């Protein structure tokens, strides 16, 4: 059974000290789309317990999210994550960064993680992320180049319009940057759903991105489609 690496943030606080973490449905919904066909491992920068965003636990009470949070098998995955420094791209068919604001705090500035992403990209293995997860692409470049892996391709992620509807819409004191702006600065051709919070998934140039929580399940389906046709 092919293996997929799910990456969770280890960050539990935003710049202003407010709690954060990985976003429940953005792990749960892709997991259930993929779990029957793939071995799924979880990793984080620090390893061990990866902090879940408690707001996502309160907000998302659908069956898939609740089951993921409480099922002994899945609970063991996010409470015993591998340390990112101990994993290698050659062991996996794809890498997927789960969203939540946390990746903007730790993964976006993690040079060692950027190298892991580059290893997947160079091996032509899908590099995927949802919502704020694409922040983790900030330092990853194409082989033998200073160009970002998102340069010149269509890419999506949590939009400025959506962020403006949250309590986190401060790119100085709460978040280190705007994700939409960052993707554009990296050379990405940013696209989004016609409506805020709509389902949008983009597969271009070896990179698979989803816009927001509503896109997480669709991203899981698309990743399975990509891997099945490889």
C-alpha atoms as a PDB file:
ATOM      1  CA  UNK A   1       0.000   0.000   0.000  1.00  0.00           C
ATOM      2  CA  UNK A   2       1.522   3.373  -1.009  1.00  0.00           C
ATOM      3  CA  UNK A   3       2.206   5.824   1.814  1.00  0.00           C
ATOM      4  CA  UNK A   4       1.307   9.502   2.167  1.00  0.00           C
ATOM      5  CA  UNK A   5       2.924  11.862   4.668  1.00  0.00           C
ATOM      6  CA  UNK A   6       0.512  14.220   6.436  1.00  0.00           C
ATOM      7  CA  UNK A   7       2.338  17.172   7.998  1.00  0.00           C
ATOM      8  CA  UNK A   8       0.950  18.971  11.050  1.00  0.00           C
ATOM      9  CA  UNK A   9       2.170  22.156  12.677  1.00  0.00           C
ATOM     10  CA  UNK A  10       3.839  22.099  16.097  1.00  0.00           C
ATOM     11  CA  UNK A  11       2.945  25.766  16.703  1.00  0.00           C
ATOM     12  CA  UNK A  12       0.356  26.322  19.409  1.00  0.00           C
ATOM     13  CA  UNK A  13       0.464  30.132  19.599  1.00  0.00           C
ATOM     14  CA  UNK A  14       0.132  33.012  17.153  1.00  0.00           C
ATOM     15  CA  UNK A  15       2.351  36.102  17.318  1.00  0.00           C
ATOM     16  CA  UNK A  16       0.051  37.698  19.903  1.00  0.00           C
ATOM     17  CA  UNK A  17      -0.032  34.583  22.069  1.00  0.00           C
ATOM     18  CA  UNK A  18      -3.501  33.476  20.962  1.00  0.00           C
ATOM     19  CA  UNK A  19      -3.860  29.688  20.724  1.00  0.00           C
ATOM     20  CA  UNK A  20      -3.550  27.966  17.360  1.00  0.00           C
ATOM     21  CA  UNK A  21      -2.641  24.588  15.855  1.00  0.00           C
ATOM     22  CA  UNK A  22      -3.744  22.337  12.992  1.00  0.00           C
ATOM     23  CA  UNK A  23      -7.316  22.622  11.759  1.00  0.00           C
ATOM     24  CA  UNK A  24      -9.438  19.559  12.462  1.00  0.00           C
ATOM     25  CA  UNK A  25     -11.488  19.114   9.240  1.00  0.00           C
ATOM     26  CA  UNK A  26      -8.431  19.816   7.112  1.00  0.00           C
ATOM     27  CA  UNK A  27      -6.818  16.674   8.493  1.00  0.00           C
ATOM     28  CA  UNK A  28      -9.981  14.620   9.005  1.00  0.00           C
ATOM     29  CA  UNK A  29     -11.699  15.020   5.650  1.00  0.00           C
ATOM     30  CA  UNK A  30      -8.650  14.193   3.478  1.00  0.00           C
ATOM     31  CA  UNK A  31      -7.737  11.359   5.832  1.00  0.00           C
ATOM     32  CA  UNK A  32     -11.061   9.578   5.356  1.00  0.00           C
ATOM     33  CA  UNK A  33     -10.837  10.078   1.573  1.00  0.00           C
ATOM     34  CA  UNK A  34      -7.416   8.399   1.494  1.00  0.00           C
ATOM     35  CA  UNK A  35      -7.151   5.993   4.426  1.00  0.00           C
ATOM     36  CA  UNK A  36      -8.639   2.947   2.709  1.00  0.00           C
ATOM     37  CA  UNK A  37      -6.084   3.038  -0.117  1.00  0.00           C
ATOM     38  CA  UNK A  38      -2.918   4.357   1.511  1.00  0.00           C
ATOM     39  CA  UNK A  39      -0.781   4.040   4.582  1.00  0.00           C
ATOM     40  CA  UNK A  40      -0.877   7.474   6.189  1.00  0.00           C
ATOM     41  CA  UNK A  41       1.841   8.717   8.521  1.00  0.00           C
ATOM     42  CA  UNK A  42       1.770  11.965  10.460  1.00  0.00           C
ATOM     43  CA  UNK A  43       4.794  14.152  11.135  1.00  0.00           C
ATOM     44  CA  UNK A  44       5.437  17.555  12.705  1.00  0.00           C
ATOM     45  CA  UNK A  45       8.499  19.743  13.329  1.00  0.00           C
ATOM     46  CA  UNK A  46       8.799  18.745  16.989  1.00  0.00           C
ATOM     47  CA  UNK A  47       7.286  15.269  16.744  1.00  0.00           C
ATOM     48  CA  UNK A  48       4.995  13.844  19.416  1.00  0.00           C
ATOM     49  CA  UNK A  49       1.697  15.553  20.167  1.00  0.00           C
ATOM     50  CA  UNK A  50       0.692  18.074  17.493  1.00  0.00           C
ATOM     51  CA  UNK A  51      -1.660  20.771  18.863  1.00  0.00           C
ATOM     52  CA  UNK A  52      -5.143  20.924  17.370  1.00  0.00           C
ATOM     53  CA  UNK A  53      -6.823  24.315  17.009  1.00  0.00           C
ATOM     54  CA  UNK A  54      -9.555  24.160  19.646  1.00  0.00           C
ATOM     55  CA  UNK A  55     -11.724  26.582  17.670  1.00  0.00           C
ATOM     56  CA  UNK A  56     -11.842  24.024  14.868  1.00  0.00           C
ATOM     57  CA  UNK A  57     -12.912  21.346  17.336  1.00  0.00           C
ATOM     58  CA  UNK A  58     -15.797  23.539  18.517  1.00  0.00           C
ATOM     59  CA  UNK A  59     -16.785  24.618  15.017  1.00  0.00           C
ATOM     60  CA  UNK A  60     -16.630  21.320  13.129  1.00  0.00           C
ATOM     61  CA  UNK A  61     -18.838  18.645  14.671  1.00  0.00           C
ATOM     62  CA  UNK A  62     -19.518  16.648  11.501  1.00  0.00           C
ATOM     63  CA  UNK A  63     -19.195  12.880  11.758  1.00  0.00           C
ATOM     64  CA  UNK A  64     -15.833  12.673   9.982  1.00  0.00           C
ATOM     65  CA  UNK A  65     -14.197  15.339  12.138  1.00  0.00           C
ATOM     66  CA  UNK A  66     -15.534  13.940  15.421  1.00  0.00           C
ATOM     67  CA  UNK A  67     -14.509  10.407  14.484  1.00  0.00           C
ATOM     68  CA  UNK A  68     -11.008  11.546  13.520  1.00  0.00           C
ATOM     69  CA  UNK A  69     -10.563  13.428  16.774  1.00  0.00           C
ATOM     70  CA  UNK A  70     -11.676  10.529  18.985  1.00  0.00           C
ATOM     71  CA  UNK A  71     -10.952   7.272  17.153  1.00  0.00           C
ATOM     72  CA  UNK A  72      -8.039   5.521  18.932  1.00  0.00           C
ATOM     73  CA  UNK A  73      -6.212   4.855  15.645  1.00  0.00           C
ATOM     74  CA  UNK A  74      -6.329   8.437  14.365  1.00  0.00           C
ATOM     75  CA  UNK A  75      -5.784   9.892  17.832  1.00  0.00           C
ATOM     76  CA  UNK A  76      -2.554   7.904  18.025  1.00  0.00           C
ATOM     77  CA  UNK A  77      -1.451   9.456  14.730  1.00  0.00           C
ATOM     78  CA  UNK A  78      -1.725  13.088  15.816  1.00  0.00           C
ATOM     79  CA  UNK A  79      -0.572  12.437  19.381  1.00  0.00           C
ATOM     80  CA  UNK A  80       2.526  10.495  18.269  1.00  0.00           C
ATOM     81  CA  UNK A  81       3.689  12.284  15.137  1.00  0.00           C
ATOM     82  CA  UNK A  82       7.046  11.466  13.646  1.00  0.00           C
ATOM     83  CA  UNK A  83       9.668  14.200  13.809  1.00  0.00           C
ATOM     84  CA  UNK A  84      10.046  15.786  10.370  1.00  0.00           C
ATOM     85  CA  UNK A  85      13.822  15.515  10.553  1.00  0.00           C
ATOM     86  CA  UNK A  86      13.424  11.723  10.765  1.00  0.00           C
ATOM     87  CA  UNK A  87      11.376  11.252   7.582  1.00  0.00           C
ATOM     88  CA  UNK A  88      12.472  11.141   3.951  1.00  0.00           C
ATOM     89  CA  UNK A  89      10.681  11.645   0.669  1.00  0.00           C
ATOM     90  CA  UNK A  90      11.750   8.281  -0.721  1.00  0.00           C
ATOM     91  CA  UNK A  91       9.406   6.518   1.725  1.00  0.00           C
ATOM     92  CA  UNK A  92       6.262   8.278   0.471  1.00  0.00           C
ATOM     93  CA  UNK A  93       4.194   8.769  -2.674  1.00  0.00           C
ATOM     94  CA  UNK A  94       3.079  12.288  -1.703  1.00  0.00           C
ATOM     95  CA  UNK A  95       3.262  14.928   1.026  1.00  0.00           C
ATOM     96  CA  UNK A  96       0.289  16.905   2.337  1.00  0.00           C
ATOM     97  CA  UNK A  97       0.403  19.914   4.669  1.00  0.00           C
ATOM     98  CA  UNK A  98      -2.676  20.239   6.860  1.00  0.00           C
ATOM     99  CA  UNK A  99      -3.884  23.811   7.365  1.00  0.00           C
ATOM    100  CA  UNK A 100      -4.637  25.934  10.383  1.00  0.00           C
ATOM    101  CA  UNK A 101      -2.799  29.153  11.190  1.00  0.00           C
ATOM    102  CA  UNK A 102       0.016  27.163  12.802  1.00  0.00           C
ATOM    103  CA  UNK A 103       1.964  26.445   9.573  1.00  0.00           C
ATOM    104  CA  UNK A 104       2.392  30.201   9.088  1.00  0.00           C
ATOM    105  CA  UNK A 105       4.227  30.339  12.423  1.00  0.00           C
ATOM    106  CA  UNK A 106       6.610  27.371  12.128  1.00  0.00           C
ATOM    107  CA  UNK A 107       6.596  25.557   8.761  1.00  0.00           C
ATOM    108  CA  UNK A 108       6.811  28.706   6.636  1.00  0.00           C
ATOM    109  CA  UNK A 109      10.242  29.568   8.065  1.00  0.00           C
ATOM    110  CA  UNK A 110      11.587  26.018   8.488  1.00  0.00           C
ATOM    111  CA  UNK A 111      14.537  25.547   6.095  1.00  0.00           C
ATOM    112  CA  UNK A 112      14.837  21.846   6.905  1.00  0.00           C
ATOM    113  CA  UNK A 113      11.177  21.317   6.010  1.00  0.00           C
ATOM    114  CA  UNK A 114      11.659  23.317   2.808  1.00  0.00           C
ATOM    115  CA  UNK A 115      14.364  20.828   1.822  1.00  0.00           C
ATOM    116  CA  UNK A 116      11.972  17.919   2.428  1.00  0.00           C
ATOM    117  CA  UNK A 117       9.374  19.578   0.191  1.00  0.00           C
ATOM    118  CA  UNK A 118      12.049  20.084  -2.467  1.00  0.00           C
ATOM    119  CA  UNK A 119      12.933  16.388  -2.283  1.00  0.00           C
ATOM    120  CA  UNK A 120       9.305  15.439  -2.999  1.00  0.00           C
ATOM    121  CA  UNK A 121       9.041  18.033  -5.769  1.00  0.00           C
ATOM    122  CA  UNK A 122      12.298  16.953  -7.435  1.00  0.00           C
ATOM    123  CA  UNK A 123      11.118  13.329  -7.361  1.00  0.00           C
ATOM    124  CA  UNK A 124       7.895  14.428  -9.125  1.00  0.00           C
ATOM    125  CA  UNK A 125       5.785  13.355  -6.168  1.00  0.00           C
ATOM    126  CA  UNK A 126       2.678  15.458  -5.432  1.00  0.00           C
ATOM    127  CA  UNK A 127       3.216  18.315  -2.999  1.00  0.00           C
ATOM    128  CA  UNK A 128      -0.145  19.252  -1.467  1.00  0.00           C
ATOM    129  CA  UNK A 129      -1.543  21.688   1.101  1.00  0.00           C
ATOM    130  CA  UNK A 130      -4.895  23.147   2.121  1.00  0.00           C
ATOM    131  CA  UNK A 131      -6.094  26.494   3.491  1.00  0.00           C
ATOM    132  CA  UNK A 132      -3.138  28.094   5.361  1.00  0.00           C
ATOM    133  CA  UNK A 133      -1.026  25.005   4.637  1.00  0.00           C
ATOM    134  CA  UNK A 134       0.502  26.486   1.455  1.00  0.00           C
ATOM    135  CA  UNK A 135       2.348  28.915   3.747  1.00  0.00           C
ATOM    136  CA  UNK A 136       4.703  25.976   4.239  1.00  0.00           C
ATOM    137  CA  UNK A 137       5.843  26.389   0.609  1.00  0.00           C
ATOM    138  CA  UNK A 138       7.417  29.781   1.382  1.00  0.00           C
ATOM    139  CA  UNK A 139      11.052  28.625   1.243  1.00  0.00           C
ATOM    140  CA  UNK A 140      10.786  25.650  -1.123  1.00  0.00           C
ATOM    141  CA  UNK A 141      12.463  26.117  -4.505  1.00  0.00           C
ATOM    142  CA  UNK A 142      12.695  24.221  -7.771  1.00  0.00           C
ATOM    143  CA  UNK A 143      15.753  22.006  -8.389  1.00  0.00           C
ATOM    144  CA  UNK A 144      18.932  23.987  -9.100  1.00  0.00           C
ATOM    145  CA  UNK A 145      16.974  27.228  -8.988  1.00  0.00           C
ATOM    146  CA  UNK A 146      16.030  30.088  -6.696  1.00  0.00           C
ATOM    147  CA  UNK A 147      12.475  30.031  -8.079  1.00  0.00           C
ATOM    148  CA  UNK A 148       9.672  29.013  -5.742  1.00  0.00           C
ATOM    149  CA  UNK A 149       7.914  25.737  -6.482  1.00  0.00           C
ATOM    150  CA  UNK A 150       4.734  27.807  -6.984  1.00  0.00           C
ATOM    151  CA  UNK A 151       6.301  30.243  -9.442  1.00  0.00           C
ATOM    152  CA  UNK A 152       4.381  30.353 -12.702  1.00  0.00           C
ATOM    153  CA  UNK A 153       1.616  27.930 -11.701  1.00  0.00           C
ATOM    154  CA  UNK A 154      -1.971  28.282 -10.524  1.00  0.00           C
ATOM    155  CA  UNK A 155      -2.227  27.994  -6.774  1.00  0.00           C
ATOM    156  CA  UNK A 156      -4.848  28.660  -4.110  1.00  0.00           C
ATOM    157  CA  UNK A 157      -5.069  29.013  -0.344  1.00  0.00           C
ATOM    158  CA  UNK A 158      -6.962  30.981   2.282  1.00  0.00           C
ATOM    159  CA  UNK A 159      -7.904  34.312   0.710  1.00  0.00           C
ATOM    160  CA  UNK A 160      -7.552  37.833   2.047  1.00  0.00           C
ATOM    161  CA  UNK A 161     -11.324  38.208   1.764  1.00  0.00           C
ATOM    162  CA  UNK A 162     -11.840  35.148   3.968  1.00  0.00           C
ATOM    163  CA  UNK A 163      -9.182  36.215   6.465  1.00  0.00           C
ATOM    164  CA  UNK A 164     -10.928  39.586   6.782  1.00  0.00           C
ATOM    165  CA  UNK A 165     -13.917  37.681   8.178  1.00  0.00           C
ATOM    166  CA  UNK A 166     -11.855  36.122  10.983  1.00  0.00           C
ATOM    167  CA  UNK A 167     -10.397  37.556  14.222  1.00  0.00           C
ATOM    168  CA  UNK A 168      -6.889  36.996  12.806  1.00  0.00           C
ATOM    169  CA  UNK A 169      -6.851  39.669  10.097  1.00  0.00           C
ATOM    170  CA  UNK A 170      -3.680  41.404  11.315  1.00  0.00           C
ATOM    171  CA  UNK A 171      -0.511  40.641   9.356  1.00  0.00           C
ATOM    172  CA  UNK A 172       1.814  42.318  11.851  1.00  0.00           C
ATOM    173  CA  UNK A 173       0.704  41.466  15.367  1.00  0.00           C
ATOM    174  CA  UNK A 174      -1.153  38.170  14.879  1.00  0.00           C
ATOM    175  CA  UNK A 175       0.070  36.576  11.635  1.00  0.00           C
ATOM    176  CA  UNK A 176       3.485  37.069  10.002  1.00  0.00           C
ATOM    177  CA  UNK A 177       2.052  37.670   6.528  1.00  0.00           C
ATOM    178  CA  UNK A 178      -0.985  37.422   4.271  1.00  0.00           C
ATOM    179  CA  UNK A 179      -1.065  33.992   2.642  1.00  0.00           C
ATOM    180  CA  UNK A 180      -2.673  35.232  -0.565  1.00  0.00           C
ATOM    181  CA  UNK A 181      -0.101  38.012  -0.879  1.00  0.00           C
ATOM    182  CA  UNK A 182       2.772  35.622  -0.124  1.00  0.00           C
ATOM    183  CA  UNK A 183       1.727  33.173  -2.836  1.00  0.00           C
ATOM    184  CA  UNK A 184       1.592  36.035  -5.330  1.00  0.00           C
ATOM    185  CA  UNK A 185       4.993  37.339  -4.207  1.00  0.00           C
ATOM    186  CA  UNK A 186       6.432  33.865  -4.812  1.00  0.00           C
ATOM    187  CA  UNK A 187       5.225  34.070  -8.419  1.00  0.00           C
ATOM    188  CA  UNK A 188       2.109  31.964  -8.005  1.00  0.00           C
ATOM    189  CA  UNK A 189      -0.957  32.676 -10.131  1.00  0.00           C
ATOM    190  CA  UNK A 190      -3.387  32.906  -7.245  1.00  0.00           C
ATOM    191  CA  UNK A 191      -6.962  31.765  -7.929  1.00  0.00           C
ATOM    192  CA  UNK A 192      -9.966  31.292  -5.667  1.00  0.00           C
ATOM    193  CA  UNK A 193     -13.577  30.128  -5.648  1.00  0.00           C
ATOM    194  CA  UNK A 194     -16.277  32.433  -6.986  1.00  0.00           C
ATOM    195  CA  UNK A 195     -17.686  32.787  -3.466  1.00  0.00           C
ATOM    196  CA  UNK A 196     -15.843  33.175  -0.165  1.00  0.00           C
ATOM    197  CA  UNK A 197     -15.577  29.837   1.656  1.00  0.00           C
ATOM    198  CA  UNK A 198     -16.337  27.960  -1.572  1.00  0.00           C
ATOM    199  CA  UNK A 199     -14.692  24.674  -2.539  1.00  0.00           C
ATOM    200  CA  UNK A 200     -11.626  25.260  -4.741  1.00  0.00           C
ATOM    201  CA  UNK A 201      -8.843  22.781  -5.527  1.00  0.00           C
ATOM    202  CA  UNK A 202      -6.025  23.392  -8.012  1.00  0.00           C
ATOM    203  CA  UNK A 203      -3.523  20.888  -9.431  1.00  0.00           C
ATOM    204  CA  UNK A 204      -0.765  22.510 -11.458  1.00  0.00           C
ATOM    205  CA  UNK A 205       2.948  21.900 -11.939  1.00  0.00           C
ATOM    206  CA  UNK A 206       3.156  19.075  -9.418  1.00  0.00           C
ATOM    207  CA  UNK A 207       1.542  21.181  -6.673  1.00  0.00           C
ATOM    208  CA  UNK A 208      -1.963  20.510  -5.305  1.00  0.00           C
ATOM    209  CA  UNK A 209      -3.663  23.211  -3.242  1.00  0.00           C
ATOM    210  CA  UNK A 210      -7.062  23.715  -1.619  1.00  0.00           C
ATOM    211  CA  UNK A 211      -8.469  27.096  -0.624  1.00  0.00           C
ATOM    212  CA  UNK A 212     -10.170  26.562   2.732  1.00  0.00           C
ATOM    213  CA  UNK A 213     -11.817  24.012   5.065  1.00  0.00           C
ATOM    214  CA  UNK A 214     -14.556  23.341   2.502  1.00  0.00           C
ATOM    215  CA  UNK A 215     -11.869  22.253   0.021  1.00  0.00           C
ATOM    216  CA  UNK A 216     -10.169  19.660   2.222  1.00  0.00           C
ATOM    217  CA  UNK A 217     -12.259  16.632   1.267  1.00  0.00           C
ATOM    218  CA  UNK A 218     -12.076  17.516  -2.423  1.00  0.00           C
ATOM    219  CA  UNK A 219      -8.296  17.795  -2.138  1.00  0.00           C
ATOM    220  CA  UNK A 220      -8.147  14.279  -0.688  1.00  0.00           C
ATOM    221  CA  UNK A 221     -10.215  12.947  -3.593  1.00  0.00           C
ATOM    222  CA  UNK A 222      -8.022  14.760  -6.117  1.00  0.00           C
ATOM    223  CA  UNK A 223      -4.817  13.439  -4.532  1.00  0.00           C
ATOM    224  CA  UNK A 224      -6.144   9.888  -4.822  1.00  0.00           C
ATOM    225  CA  UNK A 225      -7.029  10.542  -8.463  1.00  0.00           C
ATOM    226  CA  UNK A 226      -3.525  11.868  -9.169  1.00  0.00           C
ATOM    227  CA  UNK A 227      -1.773   8.955  -7.476  1.00  0.00           C
ATOM    228  CA  UNK A 228      -4.074   6.377  -9.068  1.00  0.00           C
ATOM    229  CA  UNK A 229      -3.301   7.653 -12.561  1.00  0.00           C
ATOM    230  CA  UNK A 230       0.455   7.941 -12.060  1.00  0.00           C
END
